[in-house]
Amino acid sequence: MVKKESPLVVGIGTAGCRIAEYMKSSGFRAEYAFASFNLKDVPDGNPRFDWKSNEASEGFDYIAELSAGSDFVIMVGNAGGKSGSYFMPKISRIARNEGRPVLAIVLYPFLKEKWLEYSAGTCISKLKKTRCGLLTVDMEQVLDGISTEMPIEQVYQSMNEKIAFLLMGLFTNSDEVSSVLCRGHSIMELADFGSGFDKTVADAIRSTLKTDAKEIDEVYIISAGNRPISFEDSDLATSGIRNIISPSSKIHFVNYRTSNAGFQSLVAMVGHMEGAVNGRIFDPVEAVIGNKWLDYEPELGIHIPLDIERID
């Protein structure tokens, strides 16, 4: 019998902590850690490190200890937020130093949050330097499938809940997924299953291809909820998908049923690519001068060689 991999899930910032908390309370088996500058984000019963104090190193030592005891590390957080942009690259580097594969699930800020895009872009650049896998989720796209007539707190709760259950489905029923996603770049697109399976998945694939990805080598199609759809017609669905993606792509179908979900059925597609992806969020400095001159730590600044001759 093959031993099932044991991950460490690290929730970072408000959204990341909520998603990790949903996964933990729903019974997803993993070790959990939480990192945020706002102590209110950390669920009761978990270590509460004061990350703003001089004792913050204790928190990083704790992450290193948990990473060493896990098979791989999953981080989730908003790359544009204060906590996400600071902690995600640091925790990724710590886990990589422990020899563990890392998947950073990066939540893009909303379109209205333009001031967060620079922080998100530089965070992604630093994550790439740690050689972790990236899984990007555009929160604007998630918002499209949620009624904006709900109170704002319920809107955020619904988005975080959907992402959490899709991640549980992705990692619960696919033992090999970590070896794929912990390298390269992946994109998650999701939609409520209301207009038919074929259209829902086709829309998700088209959204992925807008990133100018040259080739999608692995595709994970997940249905999650208290009444998830079945993939009995997966052969038919696969033939339709083949018209959009590369014929050599591997396609995996995952069905995840849970009575804890507050929705009937949600369909998501995760497309994995080995090469670079042109996402909505990018580092403007890296786009201009490349990444060879970017310092690893933000507090060290950026060194830009101007090649200007001295005149004195």
C-alpha atoms as a PDB file:
ATOM      1  CA  MET A   1       0.000   0.000   0.000  1.00  0.00           C
ATOM      2  CA  VAL A   2       1.409   3.395  -1.009  1.00  0.00           C
ATOM      3  CA  LYS A   3       1.761   5.863   1.851  1.00  0.00           C
ATOM      4  CA  LYS A   4      -0.368   8.949   1.259  1.00  0.00           C
ATOM      5  CA  GLU A   5       1.580  12.174   1.248  1.00  0.00           C
ATOM      6  CA  SER A   6       1.258  14.420   4.292  1.00  0.00           C
ATOM      7  CA  PRO A   7       1.207  18.133   3.419  1.00  0.00           C
ATOM      8  CA  LEU A   8       1.696  21.259   5.483  1.00  0.00           C
ATOM      9  CA  VAL A   9      -0.944  23.903   4.729  1.00  0.00           C
ATOM     10  CA  VAL A  10       0.045  27.476   5.589  1.00  0.00           C
ATOM     11  CA  GLY A  11      -2.680  30.135   5.543  1.00  0.00           C
ATOM     12  CA  ILE A  12      -1.255  33.629   5.079  1.00  0.00           C
ATOM     13  CA  GLY A  13      -3.121  36.883   5.634  1.00  0.00           C
ATOM     14  CA  THR A  14      -6.870  37.223   6.090  1.00  0.00           C
ATOM     15  CA  ALA A  15      -8.019  35.308   2.991  1.00  0.00           C
ATOM     16  CA  GLY A  16      -5.332  32.636   3.270  1.00  0.00           C
ATOM     17  CA  CYS A  17      -6.072  31.998   6.944  1.00  0.00           C
ATOM     18  CA  ARG A  18      -9.807  31.690   6.216  1.00  0.00           C
ATOM     19  CA  ILE A  19      -9.224  29.218   3.392  1.00  0.00           C
ATOM     20  CA  ALA A  20      -6.846  27.117   5.494  1.00  0.00           C
ATOM     21  CA  GLU A  21      -9.320  27.230   8.393  1.00  0.00           C
ATOM     22  CA  TYR A  22     -12.115  25.918   6.113  1.00  0.00           C
ATOM     23  CA  MET A  23      -9.868  23.069   4.992  1.00  0.00           C
ATOM     24  CA  LYS A  24      -8.944  22.181   8.565  1.00  0.00           C
ATOM     25  CA  SER A  25     -12.503  22.323   9.949  1.00  0.00           C
ATOM     26  CA  SER A  26     -13.759  20.230   7.010  1.00  0.00           C
ATOM     27  CA  GLY A  27     -11.400  17.400   7.853  1.00  0.00           C
ATOM     28  CA  PHE A  28      -8.673  17.785   5.225  1.00  0.00           C
ATOM     29  CA  ARG A  29      -5.771  15.846   6.741  1.00  0.00           C
ATOM     30  CA  ALA A  30      -2.655  17.982   6.994  1.00  0.00           C
ATOM     31  CA  GLU A  31      -0.533  19.959   9.405  1.00  0.00           C
ATOM     32  CA  TYR A  32      -1.618  23.601   9.599  1.00  0.00           C
ATOM     33  CA  ALA A  33       0.106  26.890  10.302  1.00  0.00           C
ATOM     34  CA  PHE A  34      -1.107  30.478  10.095  1.00  0.00           C
ATOM     35  CA  ALA A  35       0.862  33.654   9.475  1.00  0.00           C
ATOM     36  CA  SER A  36      -0.563  37.157   9.525  1.00  0.00           C
ATOM     37  CA  PHE A  37       0.302  40.578  10.882  1.00  0.00           C
ATOM     38  CA  ASN A  38      -3.278  40.676  12.207  1.00  0.00           C
ATOM     39  CA  LEU A  39      -3.529  38.236  15.112  1.00  0.00           C
ATOM     40  CA  LYS A  40      -7.308  38.131  14.635  1.00  0.00           C
ATOM     41  CA  ASP A  41      -6.757  36.142  11.431  1.00  0.00           C
ATOM     42  CA  VAL A  42      -5.292  33.197  13.362  1.00  0.00           C
ATOM     43  CA  PRO A  43      -8.013  30.703  14.433  1.00  0.00           C
ATOM     44  CA  ASP A  44      -8.328  29.886  18.117  1.00  0.00           C
ATOM     45  CA  GLY A  45      -6.180  27.015  19.329  1.00  0.00           C
ATOM     46  CA  ASN A  46      -3.287  27.736  16.957  1.00  0.00           C
ATOM     47  CA  PRO A  47       0.091  29.308  17.813  1.00  0.00           C
ATOM     48  CA  ARG A  48      -0.153  33.107  17.792  1.00  0.00           C
ATOM     49  CA  PHE A  49       3.219  34.568  16.922  1.00  0.00           C
ATOM     50  CA  ASP A  50       3.632  38.315  17.121  1.00  0.00           C
ATOM     51  CA  TRP A  51       5.135  38.674  13.657  1.00  0.00           C
ATOM     52  CA  LYS A  52       5.699  42.412  14.207  1.00  0.00           C
ATOM     53  CA  SER A  53       8.010  41.918  17.178  1.00  0.00           C
ATOM     54  CA  ASN A  54      11.673  40.964  17.434  1.00  0.00           C
ATOM     55  CA  GLU A  55      10.528  37.447  18.295  1.00  0.00           C
ATOM     56  CA  ALA A  56       9.146  36.845  14.791  1.00  0.00           C
ATOM     57  CA  SER A  57      12.037  34.442  14.165  1.00  0.00           C
ATOM     58  CA  GLU A  58      10.291  31.992  16.501  1.00  0.00           C
ATOM     59  CA  GLY A  59       7.474  31.800  13.987  1.00  0.00           C
ATOM     60  CA  PHE A  60       9.847  31.080  11.111  1.00  0.00           C
ATOM     61  CA  ASP A  61      11.611  28.406  13.188  1.00  0.00           C
ATOM     62  CA  TYR A  62       8.211  26.838  13.810  1.00  0.00           C
ATOM     63  CA  ILE A  63       7.459  26.853  10.054  1.00  0.00           C
ATOM     64  CA  ALA A  64      10.839  25.232   9.384  1.00  0.00           C
ATOM     65  CA  GLU A  65      10.089  22.493  11.926  1.00  0.00           C
ATOM     66  CA  LEU A  66       6.664  21.768  10.416  1.00  0.00           C
ATOM     67  CA  SER A  67       8.079  21.826   6.881  1.00  0.00           C
ATOM     68  CA  ALA A  68      10.760  19.292   7.799  1.00  0.00           C
ATOM     69  CA  GLY A  69       8.051  16.895   9.006  1.00  0.00           C
ATOM     70  CA  SER A  70       5.854  17.190   5.898  1.00  0.00           C
ATOM     71  CA  ASP A  71       6.107  15.753   2.385  1.00  0.00           C
ATOM     72  CA  PHE A  72       5.283  19.051   0.671  1.00  0.00           C
ATOM     73  CA  VAL A  73       4.065  22.535   1.582  1.00  0.00           C
ATOM     74  CA  ILE A  74       0.963  24.360   0.368  1.00  0.00           C
ATOM     75  CA  MET A  75       0.831  28.122   0.975  1.00  0.00           C
ATOM     76  CA  VAL A  76      -2.246  30.192   0.208  1.00  0.00           C
ATOM     77  CA  GLY A  77      -2.568  33.960   0.466  1.00  0.00           C
ATOM     78  CA  ASN A  78      -3.282  37.240  -1.314  1.00  0.00           C
ATOM     79  CA  ALA A  79      -0.001  38.217  -2.951  1.00  0.00           C
ATOM     80  CA  GLY A  80      -0.919  41.917  -2.853  1.00  0.00           C
ATOM     81  CA  GLY A  81      -1.764  42.059   0.829  1.00  0.00           C
ATOM     82  CA  LYS A  82       0.705  43.166   3.483  1.00  0.00           C
ATOM     83  CA  SER A  83       0.971  39.711   5.044  1.00  0.00           C
ATOM     84  CA  GLY A  84       0.947  37.777   1.775  1.00  0.00           C
ATOM     85  CA  SER A  85       3.595  39.855   0.006  1.00  0.00           C
ATOM     86  CA  TYR A  86       5.887  39.624   3.038  1.00  0.00           C
ATOM     87  CA  PHE A  87       5.432  36.066   4.282  1.00  0.00           C
ATOM     88  CA  MET A  88       4.923  33.998   1.129  1.00  0.00           C
ATOM     89  CA  PRO A  89       8.460  34.384  -0.306  1.00  0.00           C
ATOM     90  CA  LYS A  90      10.059  33.943   3.117  1.00  0.00           C
ATOM     91  CA  ILE A  91       8.086  30.813   4.019  1.00  0.00           C
ATOM     92  CA  SER A  92       8.666  29.356   0.559  1.00  0.00           C
ATOM     93  CA  ARG A  93      12.412  29.816   0.953  1.00  0.00           C
ATOM     94  CA  ILE A  94      12.349  28.240   4.423  1.00  0.00           C
ATOM     95  CA  ALA A  95      10.462  25.171   3.171  1.00  0.00           C
ATOM     96  CA  ARG A  96      12.729  24.845   0.119  1.00  0.00           C
ATOM     97  CA  ASN A  97      15.770  25.009   2.418  1.00  0.00           C
ATOM     98  CA  GLU A  98      14.262  22.048   4.256  1.00  0.00           C
ATOM     99  CA  GLY A  99      14.194  20.193   0.942  1.00  0.00           C
ATOM    100  CA  ARG A 100      10.417  20.222   0.570  1.00  0.00           C
ATOM    101  CA  PRO A 101       8.450  20.887  -2.629  1.00  0.00           C
ATOM    102  CA  VAL A 102       6.315  24.020  -2.307  1.00  0.00           C
ATOM    103  CA  LEU A 103       3.114  25.120  -4.019  1.00  0.00           C
ATOM    104  CA  ALA A 104       2.263  28.795  -3.555  1.00  0.00           C
ATOM    105  CA  ILE A 105      -1.444  29.406  -4.195  1.00  0.00           C
ATOM    106  CA  VAL A 106      -1.440  33.079  -5.106  1.00  0.00           C
ATOM    107  CA  LEU A 107      -4.697  35.028  -4.926  1.00  0.00           C
ATOM    108  CA  TYR A 108      -4.759  38.004  -7.282  1.00  0.00           C
ATOM    109  CA  PRO A 109      -6.271  41.207  -5.830  1.00  0.00           C
ATOM    110  CA  PHE A 110      -9.527  42.566  -7.247  1.00  0.00           C
ATOM    111  CA  LEU A 111      -9.479  44.945 -10.190  1.00  0.00           C
ATOM    112  CA  LYS A 112     -10.567  47.800  -7.917  1.00  0.00           C
ATOM    113  CA  GLU A 113      -7.492  47.196  -5.735  1.00  0.00           C
ATOM    114  CA  LYS A 114      -5.012  48.687  -8.214  1.00  0.00           C
ATOM    115  CA  TRP A 115      -2.711  49.827  -5.429  1.00  0.00           C
ATOM    116  CA  LEU A 116      -2.040  46.170  -4.501  1.00  0.00           C
ATOM    117  CA  GLU A 117      -0.910  45.056  -7.956  1.00  0.00           C
ATOM    118  CA  TYR A 118       2.690  46.215  -7.582  1.00  0.00           C
ATOM    119  CA  SER A 119       3.111  44.330  -4.285  1.00  0.00           C
ATOM    120  CA  ALA A 120       1.511  41.250  -5.858  1.00  0.00           C
ATOM    121  CA  GLY A 121       3.821  41.429  -8.866  1.00  0.00           C
ATOM    122  CA  THR A 122       7.010  41.738  -6.821  1.00  0.00           C
ATOM    123  CA  CYS A 123       5.801  38.945  -4.507  1.00  0.00           C
ATOM    124  CA  ILE A 124       5.371  36.621  -7.489  1.00  0.00           C
ATOM    125  CA  SER A 125       8.867  37.530  -8.737  1.00  0.00           C
ATOM    126  CA  LYS A 126      10.369  36.611  -5.370  1.00  0.00           C
ATOM    127  CA  LEU A 127       8.393  33.359  -5.250  1.00  0.00           C
ATOM    128  CA  LYS A 128       9.781  32.363  -8.651  1.00  0.00           C
ATOM    129  CA  LYS A 129      13.300  32.789  -7.276  1.00  0.00           C
ATOM    130  CA  THR A 130      12.580  30.146  -4.624  1.00  0.00           C
ATOM    131  CA  ARG A 131      11.748  27.632  -7.420  1.00  0.00           C
ATOM    132  CA  CYS A 132       8.342  26.826  -5.969  1.00  0.00           C
ATOM    133  CA  GLY A 133       5.270  25.952  -7.996  1.00  0.00           C
ATOM    134  CA  LEU A 134       2.737  28.727  -8.567  1.00  0.00           C
ATOM    135  CA  LEU A 135      -1.031  28.296  -8.714  1.00  0.00           C
ATOM    136  CA  THR A 136      -2.708  31.626  -9.425  1.00  0.00           C
ATOM    137  CA  VAL A 137      -6.363  32.322  -8.695  1.00  0.00           C
ATOM    138  CA  ASP A 138      -7.890  35.558  -9.981  1.00  0.00           C
ATOM    139  CA  MET A 139     -10.306  36.703  -7.262  1.00  0.00           C
ATOM    140  CA  GLU A 140     -12.060  38.934  -9.787  1.00  0.00           C
ATOM    141  CA  GLN A 141     -13.015  35.831 -11.768  1.00  0.00           C
ATOM    142  CA  VAL A 142     -14.241  34.098  -8.598  1.00  0.00           C
ATOM    143  CA  LEU A 143     -16.353  37.142  -7.760  1.00  0.00           C
ATOM    144  CA  ASP A 144     -18.160  36.913 -11.115  1.00  0.00           C
ATOM    145  CA  GLY A 145     -20.000  33.789  -9.992  1.00  0.00           C
ATOM    146  CA  ILE A 146     -21.243  35.219  -6.681  1.00  0.00           C
ATOM    147  CA  SER A 147     -24.281  37.381  -6.075  1.00  0.00           C
ATOM    148  CA  THR A 148     -23.110  40.861  -5.116  1.00  0.00           C
ATOM    149  CA  GLU A 149     -26.435  41.466  -3.378  1.00  0.00           C
ATOM    150  CA  MET A 150     -25.150  39.580  -0.344  1.00  0.00           C
ATOM    151  CA  PRO A 151     -23.469  41.449   2.530  1.00  0.00           C
ATOM    152  CA  ILE A 152     -19.779  41.959   1.819  1.00  0.00           C
ATOM    153  CA  GLU A 153     -18.689  39.571   4.582  1.00  0.00           C
ATOM    154  CA  GLN A 154     -20.808  36.795   3.061  1.00  0.00           C
ATOM    155  CA  VAL A 155     -19.306  37.503  -0.366  1.00  0.00           C
ATOM    156  CA  TYR A 156     -15.774  37.013   0.966  1.00  0.00           C
ATOM    157  CA  GLN A 157     -16.884  33.959   2.924  1.00  0.00           C
ATOM    158  CA  SER A 158     -18.427  32.359  -0.151  1.00  0.00           C
ATOM    159  CA  MET A 159     -15.315  32.970  -2.267  1.00  0.00           C
ATOM    160  CA  ASN A 160     -12.943  31.576   0.364  1.00  0.00           C
ATOM    161  CA  GLU A 161     -15.188  28.561   0.940  1.00  0.00           C
ATOM    162  CA  LYS A 162     -15.312  27.681  -2.755  1.00  0.00           C
ATOM    163  CA  ILE A 163     -11.554  27.910  -3.171  1.00  0.00           C
ATOM    164  CA  ALA A 164     -11.022  25.788  -0.036  1.00  0.00           C
ATOM    165  CA  PHE A 165     -13.314  22.967  -1.177  1.00  0.00           C
ATOM    166  CA  LEU A 166     -11.826  22.901  -4.668  1.00  0.00           C
ATOM    167  CA  LEU A 167      -8.342  22.648  -3.183  1.00  0.00           C
ATOM    168  CA  MET A 168      -9.475  19.800  -0.951  1.00  0.00           C
ATOM    169  CA  GLY A 169     -10.874  18.002  -3.971  1.00  0.00           C
ATOM    170  CA  LEU A 170      -7.709  18.615  -5.944  1.00  0.00           C
ATOM    171  CA  PHE A 171      -5.357  17.245  -3.279  1.00  0.00           C
ATOM    172  CA  THR A 172      -7.554  14.549  -1.734  1.00  0.00           C
ATOM    173  CA  ASN A 173      -8.231  12.476  -4.836  1.00  0.00           C
ATOM    174  CA  SER A 174      -5.008  12.855  -6.770  1.00  0.00           C
ATOM    175  CA  ASP A 175      -1.851  11.462  -5.148  1.00  0.00           C
ATOM    176  CA  GLU A 176       0.409  12.636  -7.944  1.00  0.00           C
ATOM    177  CA  VAL A 177      -0.857  16.216  -8.136  1.00  0.00           C
ATOM    178  CA  SER A 178       1.777  17.617  -5.786  1.00  0.00           C
ATOM    179  CA  SER A 179       4.642  16.377  -7.956  1.00  0.00           C
ATOM    180  CA  VAL A 180       3.096  18.249 -10.894  1.00  0.00           C
ATOM    181  CA  LEU A 181       1.914  21.484  -9.310  1.00  0.00           C
ATOM    182  CA  CYS A 182       4.980  22.057  -7.128  1.00  0.00           C
ATOM    183  CA  ARG A 183       6.851  23.138 -10.240  1.00  0.00           C
ATOM    184  CA  GLY A 184       6.042  25.482 -13.097  1.00  0.00           C
ATOM    185  CA  HIS A 185       2.917  27.637 -13.214  1.00  0.00           C
ATOM    186  CA  SER A 186      -0.731  26.618 -12.896  1.00  0.00           C
ATOM    187  CA  ILE A 187      -3.932  28.608 -13.232  1.00  0.00           C
ATOM    188  CA  MET A 188      -7.270  27.860 -11.573  1.00  0.00           C
ATOM    189  CA  GLU A 189     -10.507  28.935 -13.234  1.00  0.00           C
ATOM    190  CA  LEU A 190     -13.839  28.131 -11.605  1.00  0.00           C
ATOM    191  CA  ALA A 191     -17.528  28.572 -12.268  1.00  0.00           C
ATOM    192  CA  ASP A 192     -20.842  27.501 -10.782  1.00  0.00           C
ATOM    193  CA  PHE A 193     -22.297  24.612 -12.732  1.00  0.00           C
ATOM    194  CA  GLY A 194     -25.394  26.293 -14.068  1.00  0.00           C
ATOM    195  CA  SER A 195     -25.116  26.285 -17.841  1.00  0.00           C
ATOM    196  CA  GLY A 196     -23.932  22.755 -18.550  1.00  0.00           C
ATOM    197  CA  PHE A 197     -20.679  20.901 -18.075  1.00  0.00           C
ATOM    198  CA  ASP A 198     -19.294  21.439 -21.568  1.00  0.00           C
ATOM    199  CA  LYS A 199     -19.802  25.220 -21.547  1.00  0.00           C
ATOM    200  CA  THR A 200     -18.483  25.613 -18.005  1.00  0.00           C
ATOM    201  CA  VAL A 201     -15.263  23.749 -18.716  1.00  0.00           C
ATOM    202  CA  ALA A 202     -14.822  25.359 -22.141  1.00  0.00           C
ATOM    203  CA  ASP A 203     -15.126  28.827 -20.601  1.00  0.00           C
ATOM    204  CA  ALA A 204     -12.517  27.901 -17.979  1.00  0.00           C
ATOM    205  CA  ILE A 205     -10.082  26.662 -20.621  1.00  0.00           C
ATOM    206  CA  ARG A 206     -10.531  29.740 -22.780  1.00  0.00           C
ATOM    207  CA  SER A 207      -9.819  31.949 -19.769  1.00  0.00           C
ATOM    208  CA  THR A 208      -6.622  29.985 -19.160  1.00  0.00           C
ATOM    209  CA  LEU A 209      -5.496  30.320 -22.760  1.00  0.00           C
ATOM    210  CA  LYS A 210      -5.844  34.127 -22.521  1.00  0.00           C
ATOM    211  CA  THR A 211      -2.603  34.043 -20.552  1.00  0.00           C
ATOM    212  CA  ASP A 212      -0.732  33.258 -23.784  1.00  0.00           C
ATOM    213  CA  ALA A 213       0.395  29.918 -22.389  1.00  0.00           C
ATOM    214  CA  LYS A 214       2.072  28.002 -25.181  1.00  0.00           C
ATOM    215  CA  GLU A 215       1.065  24.568 -23.995  1.00  0.00           C
ATOM    216  CA  ILE A 216      -0.960  23.138 -21.116  1.00  0.00           C
ATOM    217  CA  ASP A 217       0.643  19.824 -20.204  1.00  0.00           C
ATOM    218  CA  GLU A 218      -1.631  18.742 -17.334  1.00  0.00           C
ATOM    219  CA  VAL A 219      -5.316  19.539 -16.818  1.00  0.00           C
ATOM    220  CA  TYR A 220      -7.283  18.848 -13.630  1.00  0.00           C
ATOM    221  CA  ILE A 221     -11.058  19.208 -13.846  1.00  0.00           C
ATOM    222  CA  ILE A 222     -12.674  19.203 -10.415  1.00  0.00           C
ATOM    223  CA  SER A 223     -16.316  19.102  -9.414  1.00  0.00           C
ATOM    224  CA  ALA A 224     -16.983  19.839  -5.754  1.00  0.00           C
ATOM    225  CA  GLY A 225     -20.070  20.441  -3.621  1.00  0.00           C
ATOM    226  CA  ASN A 226     -22.873  18.620  -1.835  1.00  0.00           C
ATOM    227  CA  ARG A 227     -24.213  17.468  -5.226  1.00  0.00           C
ATOM    228  CA  PRO A 228     -21.175  17.412  -7.531  1.00  0.00           C
ATOM    229  CA  ILE A 229     -21.624  16.333 -11.121  1.00  0.00           C
ATOM    230  CA  SER A 230     -20.231  12.990 -12.202  1.00  0.00           C
ATOM    231  CA  PHE A 231     -17.810  12.468 -15.042  1.00  0.00           C
ATOM    232  CA  GLU A 232     -19.480   9.400 -16.534  1.00  0.00           C
ATOM    233  CA  ASP A 233     -19.239  11.075 -19.929  1.00  0.00           C
ATOM    234  CA  SER A 234     -15.582  11.912 -19.434  1.00  0.00           C
ATOM    235  CA  ASP A 235     -14.608  10.397 -22.799  1.00  0.00           C
ATOM    236  CA  LEU A 236     -17.034  12.728 -24.548  1.00  0.00           C
ATOM    237  CA  ALA A 237     -15.907  15.671 -22.449  1.00  0.00           C
ATOM    238  CA  THR A 238     -12.271  14.865 -23.164  1.00  0.00           C
ATOM    239  CA  SER A 239     -12.823  14.834 -26.889  1.00  0.00           C
ATOM    240  CA  GLY A 240     -14.349  18.294 -26.663  1.00  0.00           C
ATOM    241  CA  ILE A 241     -11.482  19.625 -24.575  1.00  0.00           C
ATOM    242  CA  ARG A 242      -8.987  18.241 -27.082  1.00  0.00           C
ATOM    243  CA  ASN A 243     -10.236  20.776 -29.584  1.00  0.00           C
ATOM    244  CA  ILE A 244      -8.992  23.593 -27.349  1.00  0.00           C
ATOM    245  CA  ILE A 245      -5.819  22.333 -25.667  1.00  0.00           C
ATOM    246  CA  SER A 246      -2.831  20.374 -26.900  1.00  0.00           C
ATOM    247  CA  PRO A 247      -3.537  16.739 -27.905  1.00  0.00           C
ATOM    248  CA  SER A 248      -0.593  15.640 -25.751  1.00  0.00           C
ATOM    249  CA  SER A 249      -2.048  17.125 -22.547  1.00  0.00           C
ATOM    250  CA  LYS A 250      -2.978  14.754 -19.740  1.00  0.00           C
ATOM    251  CA  ILE A 251      -6.490  15.239 -18.381  1.00  0.00           C
ATOM    252  CA  HIS A 252      -7.551  14.215 -14.867  1.00  0.00           C
ATOM    253  CA  PHE A 253     -11.149  14.222 -13.571  1.00  0.00           C
ATOM    254  CA  VAL A 254     -11.798  14.680  -9.848  1.00  0.00           C
ATOM    255  CA  ASN A 255     -15.192  14.374  -8.143  1.00  0.00           C
ATOM    256  CA  TYR A 256     -15.295  15.677  -4.559  1.00  0.00           C
ATOM    257  CA  ARG A 257     -18.513  15.347  -2.558  1.00  0.00           C
ATOM    258  CA  THR A 258     -18.902  17.002   0.828  1.00  0.00           C
ATOM    259  CA  SER A 259     -21.985  17.734   2.870  1.00  0.00           C
ATOM    260  CA  ASN A 260     -20.228  20.727   4.447  1.00  0.00           C
ATOM    261  CA  ALA A 261     -20.280  22.788   1.258  1.00  0.00           C
ATOM    262  CA  GLY A 262     -22.734  25.655   1.028  1.00  0.00           C
ATOM    263  CA  PHE A 263     -23.228  25.104  -2.692  1.00  0.00           C
ATOM    264  CA  GLN A 264     -24.504  22.236  -4.845  1.00  0.00           C
ATOM    265  CA  SER A 265     -21.901  21.971  -7.555  1.00  0.00           C
ATOM    266  CA  LEU A 266     -18.859  23.941  -8.589  1.00  0.00           C
ATOM    267  CA  VAL A 267     -16.599  23.149 -11.515  1.00  0.00           C
ATOM    268  CA  ALA A 268     -12.971  24.235 -11.703  1.00  0.00           C
ATOM    269  CA  MET A 269     -10.144  23.650 -14.111  1.00  0.00           C
ATOM    270  CA  VAL A 270      -6.489  23.756 -13.154  1.00  0.00           C
ATOM    271  CA  GLY A 271      -4.175  24.033 -16.135  1.00  0.00           C
ATOM    272  CA  HIS A 272      -0.474  23.406 -15.518  1.00  0.00           C
ATOM    273  CA  MET A 273       2.338  24.762 -17.693  1.00  0.00           C
ATOM    274  CA  GLU A 274       6.086  24.393 -17.368  1.00  0.00           C
ATOM    275  CA  GLY A 275       6.882  27.708 -19.055  1.00  0.00           C
ATOM    276  CA  ALA A 276       6.192  31.339 -18.237  1.00  0.00           C
ATOM    277  CA  VAL A 277       2.643  32.671 -18.105  1.00  0.00           C
ATOM    278  CA  ASN A 278       1.544  36.230 -18.825  1.00  0.00           C
ATOM    279  CA  GLY A 279      -0.945  36.886 -16.062  1.00  0.00           C
ATOM    280  CA  ARG A 280      -2.908  40.010 -15.199  1.00  0.00           C
ATOM    281  CA  ILE A 281      -0.437  40.700 -12.391  1.00  0.00           C
ATOM    282  CA  PHE A 282       3.254  41.174 -13.120  1.00  0.00           C
ATOM    283  CA  ASP A 283       6.322  42.876 -11.698  1.00  0.00           C
ATOM    284  CA  PRO A 284       6.831  46.091 -13.726  1.00  0.00           C
ATOM    285  CA  VAL A 285      10.504  46.365 -12.765  1.00  0.00           C
ATOM    286  CA  GLU A 286      11.239  42.789 -13.796  1.00  0.00           C
ATOM    287  CA  ALA A 287       9.339  43.336 -17.032  1.00  0.00           C
ATOM    288  CA  VAL A 288      11.693  46.195 -17.935  1.00  0.00           C
ATOM    289  CA  ILE A 289      15.128  45.105 -16.686  1.00  0.00           C
ATOM    290  CA  GLY A 290      14.707  41.357 -16.180  1.00  0.00           C
ATOM    291  CA  ASN A 291      15.129  39.558 -12.865  1.00  0.00           C
ATOM    292  CA  LYS A 292      18.921  39.100 -12.739  1.00  0.00           C
ATOM    293  CA  TRP A 293      19.399  42.375 -10.875  1.00  0.00           C
ATOM    294  CA  LEU A 294      16.521  42.038  -8.425  1.00  0.00           C
ATOM    295  CA  ASP A 295      17.710  41.555  -4.861  1.00  0.00           C
ATOM    296  CA  TYR A 296      16.268  38.596  -3.011  1.00  0.00           C
ATOM    297  CA  GLU A 297      15.063  40.493   0.049  1.00  0.00           C
ATOM    298  CA  PRO A 298      12.890  43.605  -0.426  1.00  0.00           C
ATOM    299  CA  GLU A 299      14.582  45.459   2.422  1.00  0.00           C
ATOM    300  CA  LEU A 300      17.893  45.284   0.530  1.00  0.00           C
ATOM    301  CA  GLY A 301      16.491  47.363  -2.312  1.00  0.00           C
ATOM    302  CA  ILE A 302      17.015  46.979  -6.037  1.00  0.00           C
ATOM    303  CA  HIS A 303      20.352  47.331  -7.783  1.00  0.00           C
ATOM    304  CA  ILE A 304      20.030  48.678 -11.320  1.00  0.00           C
ATOM    305  CA  PRO A 305      23.253  49.025 -13.347  1.00  0.00           C
ATOM    306  CA  LEU A 306      22.950  52.289 -15.242  1.00  0.00           C
ATOM    307  CA  ASP A 307      26.317  52.019 -17.072  1.00  0.00           C
ATOM    308  CA  ILE A 308      26.812  55.799 -16.949  1.00  0.00           C
ATOM    309  CA  GLU A 309      30.381  57.016 -17.207  1.00  0.00           C
ATOM    310  CA  ARG A 310      31.659  59.189 -14.399  1.00  0.00           C
ATOM    311  CA  ILE A 311      32.328  62.779 -15.381  1.00  0.00           C
ATOM    312  CA  ASP A 312      34.175  63.940 -12.271  1.00  0.00           C
END
